[in-house]
Amino acid sequence: MRMMPISLCRPGMRLAKRIYSDDGIVLLAEGVELTATLIRRLGECGISFLYLQDHRTDDILLPELLSDETQLRTLQTIRSTFRDLINNTPNRNKSGSYPYIGRKMREVMNLIMEDLGRSKDAMIMLMNLHMVDHYLYMHSMNVCVYTTLLGMARGYAHEELVTLGLGALLHDVGKTQISMQVLQKPGALSDYEFDEMKRHTDRGFYLLKDEPNIPILAAHCAFQHHERLNGTGYPRGIKGDEIHEYAKWIGIVDSYDAMTSRRVYREAMLPHQAVEMLYSGSGTLYETSMLQLFRDKVAIYPIGMTVKLSTGQSAVVCDINSTCAHRPIIRVLTDEYGIELKAPYDLDLSTHLNVLITSIELDAENKKMISV
């Protein structure tokens, strides 16, 4: 299969992966032929990329961080919990007003950790490219999965991972107390609206701090995930070691997932662009050592993406090298003149150091490129 941005998909192309709703309903089956209407509607639903059939890459399979069942169960749990909080603002003066939150979230955390534990070399890869859902719900799941992977790589013990994962899963729960008009506004926020948006951190803390089965550290993750090393974050402007380590991890991942997700006001960044943007804040916004571990665990070039090589050839990423993420295994499709090869072949860039990825070729026909 090949991955292509929705903006460059054309009628006649066929899906290589089903498209699901967050209810688990198959909206479009594998093999469905795209029409202009389908492409437009998928884009309106927030789908940024599609996996498409291509006889030269049909044997390239996408490893999933989570099973479809775990993803759907997690999204359903987040959605139902958050909707309850939107519709029924809890009494902040009464402890344990929503005791089921901790129970439900621990259940999905167990499923997530079980899935992630099956592969010790699992990498952070773009998720939900085949699901239609509300951004807040997908974002909460993504941040949880990516942060838990980092915690595993960091060597945290089981209970530490549970606390970190719960903090990540619920880091934006305070947004359930923010007006939907502000959350979903397509343009720039006014000063008043931005101040209102920033209040999701302390509102999240007050929602979680007295809930049974929610560690107080998880509540502090909701409180602190927008704080930054140099004190320019919010809500309190604290610095350095005043920010808990878990909140620092979540702050990095929260920013990464926001940048690599399509929003109503901008297109999604690709992983290498988002990592570069994060590194611009190394030592000032984010801990350098944390960014280094994060970079080593991110699949910079997603499987199925078309890339241009220093040899002039075009290729598709077919696998990730877990010990050398920036040098994946690729399938070379053309010669240096752009002529399709009769017999495409695979090349491991970690052992062919003279060959470099020079750009990402998003659309071979239109020659649209992004340099790397």
Protein backbone atom coordinates (compact mmCIF):
# COMPACT_ATOMS: atom_id res chain seq x y z
CA MET A 1 0.00 0.00 0.00
CA ARG A 2 0.99 3.61 -0.47
CA MET A 3 0.20 6.64 1.63
CA MET A 4 -0.99 9.82 -0.09
CA PRO A 5 -2.23 13.18 1.22
CA ILE A 6 -5.98 13.57 0.74
CA SER A 7 -5.38 16.77 -1.24
CA LEU A 8 -3.51 14.80 -3.89
CA CYS A 9 -5.86 11.80 -4.14
CA ARG A 10 -7.68 11.43 -7.45
CA PRO A 11 -10.91 9.71 -8.57
CA GLY A 12 -10.27 6.12 -9.65
CA MET A 13 -7.74 5.35 -6.92
CA ARG A 14 -8.71 2.49 -4.59
CA LEU A 15 -8.48 2.28 -0.81
CA ALA A 16 -6.02 -0.18 0.68
CA LYS A 17 -7.43 0.17 4.21
CA ARG A 18 -10.93 0.48 5.58
CA ILE A 19 -12.21 3.81 6.90
CA TYR A 20 -13.95 3.52 10.29
CA SER A 21 -16.16 5.79 12.34
CA ASP A 22 -15.37 6.00 16.04
CA ASP A 23 -18.42 3.78 16.63
CA GLY A 24 -16.65 0.96 14.82
CA ILE A 25 -18.82 1.25 11.73
CA VAL A 26 -17.06 0.64 8.41
CA LEU A 27 -17.71 3.79 6.39
CA LEU A 28 -15.67 2.72 3.35
CA ALA A 29 -14.42 -0.79 2.69
CA GLU A 30 -11.01 -1.83 1.43
CA GLY A 31 -10.94 -1.72 -2.37
CA VAL A 32 -13.55 1.03 -2.71
CA GLU A 33 -12.88 3.25 -5.73
CA LEU A 34 -12.58 6.90 -4.80
CA THR A 35 -14.79 9.53 -6.40
CA ALA A 36 -14.42 13.29 -6.25
CA THR A 37 -17.32 13.42 -3.77
CA LEU A 38 -15.80 10.79 -1.47
CA ILE A 39 -12.42 12.56 -1.48
CA ARG A 40 -14.07 15.87 -0.62
CA ARG A 41 -16.18 14.39 2.18
CA LEU A 42 -13.23 12.54 3.72
CA GLY A 43 -11.27 15.78 3.74
CA GLU A 44 -14.17 17.55 5.44
CA CYS A 45 -14.13 14.84 8.13
CA GLY A 46 -10.51 15.61 8.97
CA ILE A 47 -8.80 12.77 7.10
CA SER A 48 -5.32 13.98 6.07
CA PHE A 49 -3.90 10.90 4.35
CA LEU A 50 -5.23 7.75 2.70
CA TYR A 51 -3.64 4.37 2.13
CA LEU A 52 -4.10 3.38 -1.50
CA GLN A 53 -3.65 0.21 -3.52
CA ASP A 54 -0.65 -0.04 -5.86
CA HIS A 55 0.39 -3.38 -7.38
CA ARG A 56 4.06 -2.51 -6.82
CA THR A 57 3.58 -2.01 -3.08
CA ASP A 58 0.64 -4.27 -2.22
CA ASP A 59 2.85 -6.46 -0.02
CA ILE A 60 3.87 -3.48 2.15
CA LEU A 61 1.88 -3.79 5.35
CA LEU A 62 1.32 -1.17 8.01
CA PRO A 63 2.22 -2.28 11.54
CA GLU A 64 -0.36 -0.98 14.00
CA LEU A 65 0.61 0.32 17.43
CA LEU A 66 -2.85 -0.68 18.64
CA SER A 67 -5.28 -3.24 17.28
CA ASP A 68 -8.41 -1.85 15.64
CA GLU A 69 -10.41 -3.23 18.57
CA THR A 70 -8.29 -1.39 21.16
CA GLN A 71 -8.39 1.84 19.16
CA LEU A 72 -12.16 1.73 18.82
CA ARG A 73 -12.69 0.80 22.49
CA THR A 74 -10.39 3.63 23.60
CA LEU A 75 -12.06 6.23 21.38
CA GLN A 76 -15.53 5.13 22.48
CA THR A 77 -14.52 5.40 26.14
CA ILE A 78 -12.95 8.83 25.69
CA ARG A 79 -15.93 10.07 23.71
CA SER A 80 -18.59 8.85 26.15
CA THR A 81 -16.65 10.15 29.18
CA PHE A 82 -15.92 13.54 27.68
CA ARG A 83 -19.49 13.94 26.45
CA ASP A 84 -20.79 13.21 29.94
CA LEU A 85 -18.50 15.91 31.30
CA ILE A 86 -19.59 18.36 28.60
CA ASN A 87 -23.25 17.77 29.38
CA ASN A 88 -22.94 17.48 33.16
CA THR A 89 -20.40 19.81 34.69
CA PRO A 90 -19.35 18.17 38.00
CA ASN A 91 -19.74 19.87 41.35
CA ARG A 92 -16.18 20.90 42.17
CA ASN A 93 -16.98 21.07 45.86
CA LYS A 94 -17.94 17.40 45.97
CA SER A 95 -15.23 14.77 45.88
CA GLY A 96 -15.70 11.71 43.66
CA SER A 97 -18.56 13.13 41.59
CA TYR A 98 -17.59 10.98 38.59
CA PRO A 99 -15.96 7.86 40.07
CA TYR A 100 -16.37 5.86 36.85
CA ILE A 101 -13.78 8.04 35.06
CA GLY A 102 -10.83 6.37 36.75
CA ARG A 103 -12.29 2.88 36.37
CA LYS A 104 -13.00 3.22 32.65
CA MET A 105 -9.71 4.92 31.86
CA ARG A 106 -7.71 2.27 33.72
CA GLU A 107 -9.47 -0.41 31.69
CA VAL A 108 -8.40 1.14 28.39
CA MET A 109 -4.91 1.83 29.75
CA ASN A 110 -4.55 -1.90 30.40
CA LEU A 111 -5.54 -2.63 26.79
CA ILE A 112 -3.13 0.00 25.44
CA MET A 113 -0.20 -1.24 27.52
CA GLU A 114 -0.93 -4.85 26.54
CA ASP A 115 -0.86 -3.94 22.83
CA LEU A 116 2.27 -1.78 23.11
CA GLY A 117 4.04 -4.42 25.18
CA ARG A 118 3.93 -6.89 22.29
CA SER A 119 6.78 -5.10 20.51
CA LYS A 120 9.73 -3.76 22.48
CA ASP A 121 10.97 -1.93 19.36
CA ALA A 122 7.66 -0.20 18.61
CA MET A 123 8.08 3.25 17.07
CA ILE A 124 5.86 6.32 17.23
CA MET A 125 3.92 6.21 13.95
CA LEU A 126 1.06 8.35 12.68
CA MET A 127 -2.24 6.92 13.90
CA ASN A 128 -5.90 7.23 12.94
CA LEU A 129 -5.27 7.81 9.25
CA HIS A 130 -8.19 5.45 8.61
CA MET A 131 -10.62 6.78 11.24
CA VAL A 132 -13.11 9.61 11.20
CA ASP A 133 -13.54 11.19 14.62
CA HIS A 134 -13.62 14.37 16.70
CA TYR A 135 -10.09 15.81 16.97
CA LEU A 136 -10.15 16.03 20.79
CA TYR A 137 -10.85 12.31 21.20
CA MET A 138 -8.22 11.13 18.71
CA HIS A 139 -5.68 13.59 20.08
CA SER A 140 -6.19 12.29 23.63
CA MET A 141 -5.64 8.70 22.49
CA ASN A 142 -2.61 9.55 20.35
CA VAL A 143 -0.91 11.50 23.12
CA CYS A 144 -1.52 8.61 25.52
CA VAL A 145 -0.08 5.99 23.13
CA TYR A 146 2.98 8.02 22.12
CA THR A 147 3.73 9.09 25.70
CA THR A 148 3.38 5.54 27.03
CA LEU A 149 5.80 4.32 24.35
CA LEU A 150 8.30 6.94 25.48
CA GLY A 151 7.80 5.93 29.10
CA MET A 152 8.54 2.32 28.18
CA ALA A 153 11.70 3.40 26.34
CA ARG A 154 12.66 5.53 29.36
CA GLY A 155 12.37 2.45 31.59
CA TYR A 156 9.48 3.44 33.86
CA ALA A 157 7.99 0.71 36.05
CA HIS A 158 4.44 -0.58 35.46
CA GLU A 159 2.64 1.69 37.92
CA GLU A 160 4.64 4.68 36.72
CA LEU A 161 3.53 3.90 33.17
CA VAL A 162 -0.10 3.65 34.29
CA THR A 163 0.09 7.05 35.97
CA LEU A 164 1.91 8.62 33.01
CA GLY A 165 -0.57 7.07 30.57
CA LEU A 166 -3.60 8.22 32.54
CA GLY A 167 -2.16 11.73 32.72
CA ALA A 168 -1.67 11.69 28.95
CA LEU A 169 -5.10 10.20 28.25
CA LEU A 170 -6.78 12.91 30.33
CA HIS A 171 -4.39 15.82 29.74
CA ASP A 172 -7.04 17.76 27.79
CA VAL A 173 -10.08 16.75 29.84
CA GLY A 174 -10.45 20.39 30.89
CA LYS A 175 -11.47 21.23 27.33
CA THR A 176 -14.83 19.63 28.11
CA GLN A 177 -15.45 22.78 30.16
CA ILE A 178 -14.56 25.16 27.31
CA SER A 179 -17.14 26.49 24.85
CA MET A 180 -17.34 24.47 21.62
CA GLN A 181 -17.40 27.75 19.73
CA VAL A 182 -13.92 28.47 21.05
CA LEU A 183 -12.61 24.90 20.66
CA GLN A 184 -13.76 24.55 17.05
CA LYS A 185 -13.24 28.11 15.85
CA PRO A 186 -11.64 27.90 12.36
CA GLY A 187 -9.72 31.16 12.58
CA ALA A 188 -7.44 32.92 15.04
CA LEU A 189 -8.70 33.25 18.61
CA SER A 190 -9.27 36.66 20.14
CA ASP A 191 -7.33 37.55 23.28
CA TYR A 192 -10.41 36.73 25.37
CA GLU A 193 -10.92 33.39 23.59
CA PHE A 194 -7.26 32.46 23.99
CA ASP A 195 -7.43 33.23 27.71
CA GLU A 196 -10.53 31.04 27.89
CA MET A 197 -8.76 28.22 26.03
CA LYS A 198 -5.81 28.37 28.41
CA ARG A 199 -8.15 27.72 31.34
CA HIS A 200 -8.52 24.08 30.24
CA THR A 201 -5.37 23.28 32.24
CA ASP A 202 -6.62 24.32 35.67
CA ARG A 203 -10.14 23.11 34.89
CA GLY A 204 -8.72 19.72 34.03
CA PHE A 205 -6.82 19.65 37.32
CA TYR A 206 -9.94 20.43 39.35
CA LEU A 207 -11.93 17.79 37.45
CA LEU A 208 -9.38 15.08 38.24
CA LYS A 209 -7.75 15.88 41.57
CA ASP A 210 -10.39 14.22 43.79
CA GLU A 211 -11.52 11.44 41.47
CA PRO A 212 -11.11 7.85 42.76
CA ASN A 213 -8.60 5.75 40.78
CA ILE A 214 -6.99 8.85 39.23
CA PRO A 215 -3.50 9.47 40.70
CA ILE A 216 -2.89 13.05 41.79
CA LEU A 217 0.12 13.09 39.45
CA ALA A 218 -2.24 12.48 36.51
CA ALA A 219 -4.21 15.55 37.59
CA HIS A 220 -0.96 17.53 37.67
CA CYS A 221 -0.24 16.39 34.09
CA ALA A 222 -3.48 18.09 33.02
CA PHE A 223 -2.39 21.16 35.03
CA GLN A 224 1.20 21.41 33.78
CA HIS A 225 1.39 20.07 30.20
CA HIS A 226 1.54 23.60 28.74
CA GLU A 227 4.27 24.80 31.11
CA ARG A 228 7.69 25.30 29.47
CA LEU A 229 11.29 25.18 30.71
CA ASN A 230 11.89 28.91 30.39
CA GLY A 231 8.69 29.92 32.17
CA THR A 232 6.80 31.06 29.06
CA GLY A 233 4.08 28.43 29.44
CA TYR A 234 0.79 28.48 31.32
CA PRO A 235 -1.15 28.52 33.60
CA ARG A 236 1.48 29.44 36.23
CA GLY A 237 4.61 30.16 34.22
CA ILE A 238 6.71 27.75 36.28
CA LYS A 239 10.20 26.76 35.11
CA GLY A 240 12.63 23.85 34.86
CA ASP A 241 12.38 21.31 37.67
CA GLU A 242 9.20 22.93 38.96
CA ILE A 243 7.46 21.10 36.10
CA HIS A 244 6.93 17.40 36.74
CA GLU A 245 8.79 15.04 34.42
CA TYR A 246 5.55 13.39 33.26
CA ALA A 247 4.09 16.75 32.24
CA LYS A 248 7.28 17.50 30.26
CA TRP A 249 6.86 14.28 28.26
CA ILE A 250 3.21 15.04 27.62
CA GLY A 251 4.06 18.61 26.59
CA ILE A 252 6.39 17.33 23.86
CA VAL A 253 3.96 14.72 22.58
CA ASP A 254 0.95 17.06 22.80
CA SER A 255 2.78 19.55 20.56
CA TYR A 256 3.91 16.84 18.13
CA ASP A 257 0.46 15.33 17.68
CA ALA A 258 -1.15 18.76 17.27
CA MET A 259 1.36 19.60 14.52
CA THR A 260 0.91 16.28 12.68
CA SER A 261 -2.92 16.43 12.81
CA ARG A 262 -5.04 18.25 10.25
CA ARG A 263 -7.02 21.14 11.70
CA VAL A 264 -9.74 23.31 10.20
CA TYR A 265 -7.28 26.21 9.94
CA ARG A 266 -4.19 24.38 8.57
CA GLU A 267 -2.87 21.21 6.97
CA ALA A 268 -1.00 18.58 8.98
CA MET A 269 2.79 18.67 9.16
CA LEU A 270 4.75 15.56 8.29
CA PRO A 271 6.71 13.88 11.12
CA HIS A 272 10.14 15.18 10.10
CA GLN A 273 8.79 18.75 9.94
CA ALA A 274 7.19 18.47 13.39
CA VAL A 275 10.36 17.03 14.94
CA GLU A 276 12.39 19.88 13.45
CA MET A 277 9.92 22.39 14.89
CA LEU A 278 10.18 20.80 18.34
CA TYR A 279 13.98 20.93 18.18
CA SER A 280 13.80 24.68 17.65
CA GLY A 281 12.68 24.79 21.30
CA SER A 282 15.40 22.48 22.61
CA GLY A 283 16.73 23.70 25.94
CA THR A 284 14.27 26.59 26.11
CA LEU A 285 10.81 25.03 25.80
CA TYR A 286 11.65 21.33 26.08
CA GLU A 287 14.35 19.23 27.74
CA THR A 288 17.05 18.37 25.19
CA SER A 289 17.55 14.84 26.54
CA MET A 290 13.82 14.17 26.26
CA LEU A 291 13.74 15.44 22.69
CA GLN A 292 16.64 13.15 21.82
CA LEU A 293 14.77 10.07 23.07
CA PHE A 294 11.60 11.28 21.34
CA ARG A 295 13.46 11.74 18.03
CA ASP A 296 14.92 8.24 18.28
CA LYS A 297 11.44 6.75 18.75
CA VAL A 298 9.63 8.60 15.95
CA ALA A 299 9.17 7.00 12.54
CA ILE A 300 10.30 10.09 10.65
CA TYR A 301 9.24 8.66 7.28
CA PRO A 302 5.85 6.90 7.53
CA ILE A 303 5.47 3.51 5.87
CA GLY A 304 3.96 3.91 2.41
CA MET A 305 5.29 7.44 1.84
CA THR A 306 6.94 8.24 -1.50
CA VAL A 307 10.45 9.72 -1.22
CA LYS A 308 13.07 11.08 -3.61
CA LEU A 309 16.65 9.84 -3.30
CA SER A 310 20.02 11.49 -3.82
CA THR A 311 20.44 9.16 -6.80
CA GLY A 312 17.46 10.80 -8.51
CA GLN A 313 15.32 7.69 -8.03
CA SER A 314 11.87 7.55 -6.44
CA ALA A 315 11.01 5.00 -3.75
CA VAL A 316 8.36 4.07 -1.20
CA VAL A 317 9.13 3.51 2.48
CA CYS A 318 8.37 -0.15 3.21
CA ASP A 319 9.75 -0.63 6.73
CA ILE A 320 11.30 1.27 9.66
CA ASN A 321 14.72 0.63 11.19
CA SER A 322 14.06 0.88 14.91
CA THR A 323 17.73 1.66 15.65
CA CYS A 324 18.08 4.18 12.83
CA ALA A 325 14.68 5.77 12.24
CA HIS A 326 15.91 8.37 9.74
CA ARG A 327 17.26 5.64 7.42
CA PRO A 328 14.33 3.33 6.65
CA ILE A 329 14.05 0.37 4.28
CA ILE A 330 12.69 1.57 0.95
CA ARG A 331 11.40 0.07 -2.29
CA VAL A 332 13.01 1.72 -5.31
CA LEU A 333 10.43 2.21 -8.07
CA THR A 334 12.20 4.28 -10.76
CA ASP A 335 15.61 4.84 -12.23
CA GLU A 336 17.44 8.17 -11.97
CA TYR A 337 15.49 9.46 -15.00
CA GLY A 338 12.08 8.77 -13.46
CA ILE A 339 11.38 5.72 -15.62
CA GLU A 340 9.55 2.94 -13.78
CA LEU A 341 11.63 -0.14 -13.08
CA LYS A 342 10.34 -3.46 -14.38
CA ALA A 343 11.60 -5.08 -11.20
CA PRO A 344 11.42 -2.72 -8.17
CA TYR A 345 13.82 -3.68 -5.38
CA ASP A 346 14.22 -3.04 -1.65
CA LEU A 347 17.13 -1.09 -0.21
CA ASP A 348 18.10 -0.75 3.45
CA LEU A 349 19.37 2.80 3.85
CA SER A 350 21.02 1.93 7.18
CA THR A 351 23.53 -0.19 5.24
CA HIS A 352 23.72 1.97 2.10
CA LEU A 353 25.01 5.19 3.65
CA ASN A 354 25.84 6.74 0.28
CA VAL A 355 22.12 6.99 -0.57
CA LEU A 356 20.11 9.76 1.10
CA ILE A 357 16.47 10.79 1.18
CA THR A 358 16.53 14.31 -0.22
CA SER A 359 12.82 15.11 -0.39
CA ILE A 360 9.35 13.71 0.05
CA GLU A 361 7.58 13.34 -3.25
CA LEU A 362 3.95 13.84 -2.39
CA ASP A 363 2.66 13.52 -5.93
CA ALA A 364 4.80 12.12 -8.73
CA GLU A 365 2.50 13.45 -11.45
CA ASN A 366 2.51 17.03 -10.20
CA LYS A 367 6.13 16.92 -8.91
CA LYS A 368 5.13 18.42 -5.59
CA MET A 369 8.08 18.07 -3.22
CA ILE A 370 9.10 18.85 0.33
CA SER A 371 12.83 18.95 0.94
CA VAL A 372 14.31 17.22 3.97
